[in-house]
Amino acid sequence: MYIDGFVIAVPKANRQKFIDHAAQADPIFIEFGATRVIECWGDDVPAGQHTDFRAAVKATDDEDVVFSWIEWPDKATRDAGMAKMMAPDFADPRMDQARNPMPFDGKRMIFGGFAPVVTLEK
């Protein structure tokens, strides 16, 4: 398994716009090999003494934190899927910013790829 993780500050007023955006864009990841996409709206995101999720994305009082991840079967599938999404000729209308604009400031999104080292399942 391989995980892409994301933390985003989204204006509270854009909650439904975010959900609508994700509902259009997230299926592309599945089509490109992801096994699951999870989008989570912050519900209990406490302030930390040194750092926290809100500080990491410079969230303002009128924004909530969204924590999301994409599960891939392996890094090779993820790399191939992301290469397709980032290709200069990729033109899926679900990702067209004019038709499905990001309802958040993408410059403050933090993200990365992660190789699981411990997995515990029921």
N, C-alpha and C. Protein backbone atom coordinates (compact mmCIF):
# COMPACT_ATOMS: atom_id res chain seq x y z
N MET A 1 0.84 -1.17 0.00
CA MET A 1 0.00 0.00 0.00
C MET A 1 0.89 1.24 0.00
N TYR A 2 0.37 2.33 -0.56
CA TYR A 2 1.05 3.62 -0.54
C TYR A 2 -0.02 4.68 -0.30
N ILE A 3 0.31 5.71 0.46
CA ILE A 3 -0.66 6.74 0.85
C ILE A 3 -0.18 8.12 0.43
N ASP A 4 -1.06 8.90 -0.20
CA ASP A 4 -0.84 10.33 -0.39
C ASP A 4 -1.71 11.03 0.65
N GLY A 5 -1.10 11.91 1.44
CA GLY A 5 -1.83 12.64 2.48
C GLY A 5 -1.86 14.12 2.18
N PHE A 6 -2.95 14.77 2.60
CA PHE A 6 -3.18 16.19 2.33
C PHE A 6 -3.80 16.87 3.55
N VAL A 7 -3.39 18.09 3.82
CA VAL A 7 -4.03 18.94 4.82
C VAL A 7 -4.28 20.28 4.13
N ILE A 8 -5.52 20.77 4.24
CA ILE A 8 -5.94 21.97 3.52
C ILE A 8 -6.76 22.86 4.44
N ALA A 9 -6.61 24.16 4.31
CA ALA A 9 -7.50 25.12 4.98
C ALA A 9 -8.58 25.50 3.98
N VAL A 10 -9.84 25.29 4.35
CA VAL A 10 -10.96 25.58 3.46
C VAL A 10 -11.92 26.54 4.17
N PRO A 11 -12.32 27.62 3.50
CA PRO A 11 -13.29 28.52 4.13
C PRO A 11 -14.54 27.76 4.57
N LYS A 12 -14.99 28.04 5.78
CA LYS A 12 -16.18 27.37 6.31
C LYS A 12 -17.37 27.54 5.37
N ALA A 13 -17.45 28.69 4.75
CA ALA A 13 -18.56 28.96 3.81
C ALA A 13 -18.48 28.09 2.56
N ASN A 14 -17.33 27.49 2.31
CA ASN A 14 -17.13 26.67 1.10
C ASN A 14 -17.23 25.18 1.36
N ARG A 15 -17.79 24.79 2.49
CA ARG A 15 -17.86 23.35 2.82
C ARG A 15 -18.55 22.57 1.69
N GLN A 16 -19.73 22.97 1.28
CA GLN A 16 -20.44 22.23 0.24
C GLN A 16 -19.71 22.33 -1.10
N LYS A 17 -19.12 23.49 -1.38
CA LYS A 17 -18.34 23.61 -2.61
C LYS A 17 -17.17 22.64 -2.60
N PHE A 18 -16.54 22.46 -1.44
CA PHE A 18 -15.44 21.51 -1.32
C PHE A 18 -15.93 20.08 -1.58
N ILE A 19 -17.04 19.73 -0.96
CA ILE A 19 -17.61 18.39 -1.14
C ILE A 19 -17.95 18.16 -2.61
N ASP A 20 -18.57 19.16 -3.25
CA ASP A 20 -18.92 19.04 -4.67
C ASP A 20 -17.66 18.90 -5.54
N HIS A 21 -16.64 19.70 -5.23
CA HIS A 21 -15.37 19.63 -5.97
C HIS A 21 -14.77 18.23 -5.84
N ALA A 22 -14.70 17.72 -4.61
CA ALA A 22 -14.13 16.40 -4.37
C ALA A 22 -14.94 15.31 -5.06
N ALA A 23 -16.25 15.44 -5.04
CA ALA A 23 -17.11 14.43 -5.67
C ALA A 23 -16.85 14.35 -7.18
N GLN A 24 -16.45 15.45 -7.77
CA GLN A 24 -16.13 15.44 -9.21
C GLN A 24 -14.70 14.97 -9.46
N ALA A 25 -13.75 15.45 -8.68
CA ALA A 25 -12.34 15.19 -8.95
C ALA A 25 -11.84 13.85 -8.41
N ASP A 26 -12.31 13.43 -7.26
CA ASP A 26 -11.77 12.22 -6.61
C ASP A 26 -11.94 10.94 -7.43
N PRO A 27 -13.02 10.76 -8.17
CA PRO A 27 -13.12 9.53 -8.97
C PRO A 27 -11.98 9.34 -9.97
N ILE A 28 -11.33 10.43 -10.36
CA ILE A 28 -10.20 10.31 -11.29
C ILE A 28 -9.09 9.47 -10.65
N PHE A 29 -8.85 9.67 -9.36
CA PHE A 29 -7.82 8.89 -8.67
C PHE A 29 -8.16 7.40 -8.71
N ILE A 30 -9.43 7.07 -8.50
CA ILE A 30 -9.86 5.67 -8.56
C ILE A 30 -9.64 5.13 -9.97
N GLU A 31 -10.01 5.92 -10.97
CA GLU A 31 -9.82 5.49 -12.36
C GLU A 31 -8.35 5.25 -12.69
N PHE A 32 -7.46 5.97 -12.01
CA PHE A 32 -6.03 5.83 -12.26
C PHE A 32 -5.35 4.84 -11.31
N GLY A 33 -6.15 4.08 -10.54
CA GLY A 33 -5.59 3.00 -9.76
C GLY A 33 -5.70 3.09 -8.25
N ALA A 34 -6.14 4.22 -7.70
CA ALA A 34 -6.30 4.32 -6.25
C ALA A 34 -7.38 3.36 -5.79
N THR A 35 -7.25 2.86 -4.58
CA THR A 35 -8.25 1.95 -4.04
C THR A 35 -9.27 2.67 -3.17
N ARG A 36 -8.90 3.84 -2.65
CA ARG A 36 -9.82 4.58 -1.79
C ARG A 36 -9.37 6.02 -1.67
N VAL A 37 -10.33 6.94 -1.58
CA VAL A 37 -10.07 8.36 -1.34
C VAL A 37 -10.95 8.78 -0.16
N ILE A 38 -10.34 9.40 0.83
CA ILE A 38 -11.07 9.84 2.02
C ILE A 38 -10.87 11.34 2.17
N GLU A 39 -11.97 12.08 2.34
CA GLU A 39 -11.93 13.53 2.58
C GLU A 39 -12.60 13.76 3.93
N CYS A 40 -11.91 14.39 4.87
CA CYS A 40 -12.43 14.58 6.23
C CYS A 40 -12.44 16.05 6.61
N TRP A 41 -13.62 16.56 7.00
CA TRP A 41 -13.76 17.94 7.44
C TRP A 41 -13.44 18.00 8.93
N GLY A 42 -12.59 18.94 9.32
CA GLY A 42 -12.18 19.05 10.71
C GLY A 42 -13.35 19.19 11.66
N ASP A 43 -13.34 18.39 12.72
CA ASP A 43 -14.40 18.39 13.72
C ASP A 43 -13.84 18.66 15.11
N ASP A 44 -12.66 18.14 15.38
CA ASP A 44 -12.01 18.30 16.68
C ASP A 44 -10.53 18.51 16.40
N VAL A 45 -10.16 19.74 16.06
CA VAL A 45 -8.80 20.07 15.65
C VAL A 45 -8.25 21.09 16.65
N PRO A 46 -7.66 20.59 17.74
CA PRO A 46 -7.21 21.49 18.80
C PRO A 46 -5.96 22.29 18.44
N ALA A 47 -5.84 23.43 19.09
CA ALA A 47 -4.63 24.24 18.96
C ALA A 47 -3.52 23.57 19.76
N GLY A 48 -2.33 23.55 19.21
CA GLY A 48 -1.18 22.97 19.90
C GLY A 48 -0.33 24.04 20.55
N GLN A 49 0.58 23.62 21.42
CA GLN A 49 1.47 24.59 22.06
C GLN A 49 2.59 25.02 21.12
N HIS A 50 3.03 24.12 20.24
CA HIS A 50 4.15 24.43 19.35
C HIS A 50 3.73 24.46 17.89
N THR A 51 2.88 23.53 17.49
CA THR A 51 2.36 23.50 16.13
C THR A 51 1.09 22.67 16.12
N ASP A 52 0.34 22.77 15.06
CA ASP A 52 -0.89 22.00 14.93
C ASP A 52 -1.34 22.05 13.47
N PHE A 53 -2.44 21.37 13.17
CA PHE A 53 -2.93 21.33 11.79
C PHE A 53 -3.27 22.73 11.27
N ARG A 54 -3.91 23.54 12.11
CA ARG A 54 -4.32 24.88 11.67
C ARG A 54 -3.10 25.73 11.34
N ALA A 55 -2.09 25.67 12.17
CA ALA A 55 -0.88 26.45 11.94
C ALA A 55 -0.15 25.95 10.69
N ALA A 56 -0.18 24.65 10.46
CA ALA A 56 0.54 24.08 9.32
C ALA A 56 0.04 24.64 8.00
N VAL A 57 -1.26 24.93 7.92
CA VAL A 57 -1.84 25.45 6.67
C VAL A 57 -2.26 26.91 6.80
N LYS A 58 -1.85 27.54 7.91
CA LYS A 58 -2.15 28.95 8.16
C LYS A 58 -3.65 29.23 8.06
N ALA A 59 -4.45 28.35 8.67
CA ALA A 59 -5.91 28.51 8.65
C ALA A 59 -6.31 29.74 9.46
N THR A 60 -7.25 30.49 8.91
CA THR A 60 -7.79 31.66 9.58
C THR A 60 -9.04 31.25 10.37
N ASP A 61 -9.58 32.19 11.14
CA ASP A 61 -10.76 31.88 11.95
C ASP A 61 -11.97 31.49 11.11
N ASP A 62 -12.03 31.94 9.87
CA ASP A 62 -13.17 31.61 9.02
C ASP A 62 -12.91 30.37 8.16
N GLU A 63 -11.87 29.61 8.50
CA GLU A 63 -11.54 28.39 7.75
C GLU A 63 -11.53 27.18 8.68
N ASP A 64 -11.84 26.02 8.12
CA ASP A 64 -11.69 24.75 8.81
C ASP A 64 -10.59 23.97 8.12
N VAL A 65 -10.07 22.98 8.83
CA VAL A 65 -9.02 22.14 8.28
C VAL A 65 -9.63 20.87 7.70
N VAL A 66 -9.18 20.52 6.51
CA VAL A 66 -9.58 19.28 5.85
C VAL A 66 -8.35 18.38 5.81
N PHE A 67 -8.56 17.14 6.22
CA PHE A 67 -7.50 16.12 6.22
C PHE A 67 -7.96 15.02 5.27
N SER A 68 -7.15 14.73 4.27
CA SER A 68 -7.55 13.79 3.24
C SER A 68 -6.40 12.84 2.92
N TRP A 69 -6.77 11.67 2.40
CA TRP A 69 -5.74 10.77 1.92
C TRP A 69 -6.27 9.91 0.78
N ILE A 70 -5.32 9.47 -0.01
CA ILE A 70 -5.61 8.58 -1.13
C ILE A 70 -4.81 7.31 -0.89
N GLU A 71 -5.50 6.17 -0.93
CA GLU A 71 -4.83 4.89 -0.77
C GLU A 71 -4.59 4.27 -2.15
N TRP A 72 -3.37 3.84 -2.36
CA TRP A 72 -2.96 3.19 -3.61
C TRP A 72 -2.49 1.77 -3.28
N PRO A 73 -2.58 0.85 -4.21
CA PRO A 73 -2.10 -0.51 -3.91
C PRO A 73 -0.59 -0.57 -3.70
N ASP A 74 0.15 0.36 -4.35
CA ASP A 74 1.60 0.39 -4.22
C ASP A 74 2.11 1.72 -4.79
N LYS A 75 3.37 2.01 -4.56
CA LYS A 75 3.96 3.27 -5.01
C LYS A 75 4.02 3.34 -6.54
N ALA A 76 4.26 2.23 -7.21
CA ALA A 76 4.33 2.24 -8.67
C ALA A 76 2.99 2.66 -9.28
N THR A 77 1.90 2.16 -8.73
CA THR A 77 0.57 2.54 -9.22
C THR A 77 0.32 4.01 -8.95
N ARG A 78 0.72 4.46 -7.77
CA ARG A 78 0.56 5.89 -7.44
C ARG A 78 1.37 6.76 -8.38
N ASP A 79 2.62 6.41 -8.59
CA ASP A 79 3.47 7.21 -9.47
C ASP A 79 2.90 7.28 -10.88
N ALA A 80 2.40 6.16 -11.38
CA ALA A 80 1.81 6.14 -12.72
C ALA A 80 0.53 6.97 -12.77
N GLY A 81 -0.31 6.84 -11.75
CA GLY A 81 -1.56 7.61 -11.71
C GLY A 81 -1.31 9.10 -11.61
N MET A 82 -0.39 9.49 -10.75
CA MET A 82 -0.10 10.91 -10.59
C MET A 82 0.58 11.47 -11.84
N ALA A 83 1.39 10.67 -12.51
CA ALA A 83 2.01 11.11 -13.76
C ALA A 83 0.95 11.42 -14.80
N LYS A 84 -0.08 10.59 -14.87
CA LYS A 84 -1.18 10.86 -15.80
C LYS A 84 -1.89 12.17 -15.46
N MET A 85 -2.13 12.40 -14.15
CA MET A 85 -2.83 13.62 -13.72
C MET A 85 -2.00 14.87 -13.99
N MET A 86 -0.69 14.75 -13.89
CA MET A 86 0.19 15.91 -14.05
C MET A 86 0.69 16.10 -15.48
N ALA A 87 0.33 15.20 -16.37
CA ALA A 87 0.79 15.29 -17.76
C ALA A 87 0.27 16.57 -18.41
N PRO A 88 1.10 17.22 -19.22
CA PRO A 88 0.69 18.47 -19.87
C PRO A 88 -0.56 18.32 -20.73
N ASP A 89 -0.80 17.14 -21.26
CA ASP A 89 -1.96 16.95 -22.13
C ASP A 89 -3.18 16.41 -21.39
N PHE A 90 -3.10 16.30 -20.04
CA PHE A 90 -4.25 15.84 -19.25
C PHE A 90 -5.34 16.92 -19.30
N ALA A 91 -6.50 16.57 -19.79
CA ALA A 91 -7.55 17.58 -19.99
C ALA A 91 -8.92 17.07 -19.55
N ASP A 92 -8.98 16.40 -18.42
CA ASP A 92 -10.27 15.91 -17.92
C ASP A 92 -11.10 17.10 -17.43
N PRO A 93 -12.33 17.26 -17.91
CA PRO A 93 -13.14 18.42 -17.51
C PRO A 93 -13.43 18.47 -16.01
N ARG A 94 -13.32 17.33 -15.32
CA ARG A 94 -13.54 17.33 -13.87
C ARG A 94 -12.45 18.08 -13.13
N MET A 95 -11.30 18.27 -13.78
CA MET A 95 -10.20 19.00 -13.16
C MET A 95 -10.02 20.39 -13.77
N ASP A 96 -10.89 20.77 -14.67
CA ASP A 96 -10.83 22.08 -15.31
C ASP A 96 -11.18 23.16 -14.28
N GLN A 97 -10.23 24.04 -13.99
CA GLN A 97 -10.43 25.07 -12.96
C GLN A 97 -11.57 26.02 -13.30
N ALA A 98 -11.89 26.18 -14.56
CA ALA A 98 -13.01 27.05 -14.94
C ALA A 98 -14.35 26.37 -14.61
N ARG A 99 -14.39 25.06 -14.73
CA ARG A 99 -15.64 24.31 -14.49
C ARG A 99 -15.75 23.78 -13.07
N ASN A 100 -14.62 23.48 -12.44
CA ASN A 100 -14.60 22.91 -11.10
C ASN A 100 -13.47 23.55 -10.29
N PRO A 101 -13.63 24.85 -9.97
CA PRO A 101 -12.54 25.55 -9.29
C PRO A 101 -12.29 25.02 -7.87
N MET A 102 -11.02 25.05 -7.47
CA MET A 102 -10.70 24.65 -6.10
C MET A 102 -11.30 25.67 -5.14
N PRO A 103 -12.09 25.22 -4.17
CA PRO A 103 -12.71 26.16 -3.23
C PRO A 103 -11.82 26.45 -2.02
N PHE A 104 -10.51 26.49 -2.25
CA PHE A 104 -9.54 26.75 -1.19
C PHE A 104 -8.27 27.28 -1.84
N ASP A 105 -7.37 27.78 -1.01
CA ASP A 105 -6.09 28.30 -1.49
C ASP A 105 -5.09 27.14 -1.59
N GLY A 106 -4.88 26.67 -2.80
CA GLY A 106 -3.99 25.53 -3.02
C GLY A 106 -2.55 25.78 -2.61
N LYS A 107 -2.15 27.04 -2.49
CA LYS A 107 -0.77 27.35 -2.10
C LYS A 107 -0.50 26.97 -0.64
N ARG A 108 -1.58 26.87 0.15
CA ARG A 108 -1.40 26.52 1.57
C ARG A 108 -1.67 25.04 1.85
N MET A 109 -1.92 24.26 0.82
CA MET A 109 -2.11 22.83 1.00
C MET A 109 -0.76 22.18 1.27
N ILE A 110 -0.72 21.28 2.25
CA ILE A 110 0.48 20.50 2.46
C ILE A 110 0.15 19.06 2.07
N PHE A 111 1.12 18.38 1.48
CA PHE A 111 0.85 17.03 0.98
C PHE A 111 2.15 16.26 0.90
N GLY A 112 2.02 14.96 0.81
CA GLY A 112 3.19 14.12 0.65
C GLY A 112 2.78 12.68 0.46
N GLY A 113 3.73 11.87 0.02
CA GLY A 113 3.52 10.45 -0.15
C GLY A 113 4.16 9.69 1.00
N PHE A 114 3.48 8.64 1.44
CA PHE A 114 3.91 7.92 2.65
C PHE A 114 3.87 6.41 2.43
N ALA A 115 4.91 5.75 2.86
CA ALA A 115 4.98 4.29 2.85
C ALA A 115 4.60 3.79 4.24
N PRO A 116 3.51 3.06 4.37
CA PRO A 116 3.10 2.55 5.68
C PRO A 116 4.18 1.68 6.31
N VAL A 117 4.36 1.83 7.61
CA VAL A 117 5.31 1.00 8.34
C VAL A 117 4.62 0.13 9.39
N VAL A 118 3.41 0.54 9.80
CA VAL A 118 2.60 -0.27 10.70
C VAL A 118 1.16 -0.17 10.21
N THR A 119 0.52 -1.31 10.03
CA THR A 119 -0.90 -1.34 9.65
C THR A 119 -1.60 -2.31 10.59
N LEU A 120 -2.63 -1.86 11.24
CA LEU A 120 -3.40 -2.69 12.15
C LEU A 120 -4.85 -2.63 11.71
N GLU A 121 -5.44 -3.76 11.44
CA GLU A 121 -6.83 -3.81 10.97
C GLU A 121 -7.61 -4.81 11.78
N LYS A 122 -8.90 -4.59 11.85
CA LYS A 122 -9.77 -5.52 12.57
C LYS A 122 -10.28 -6.55 11.60
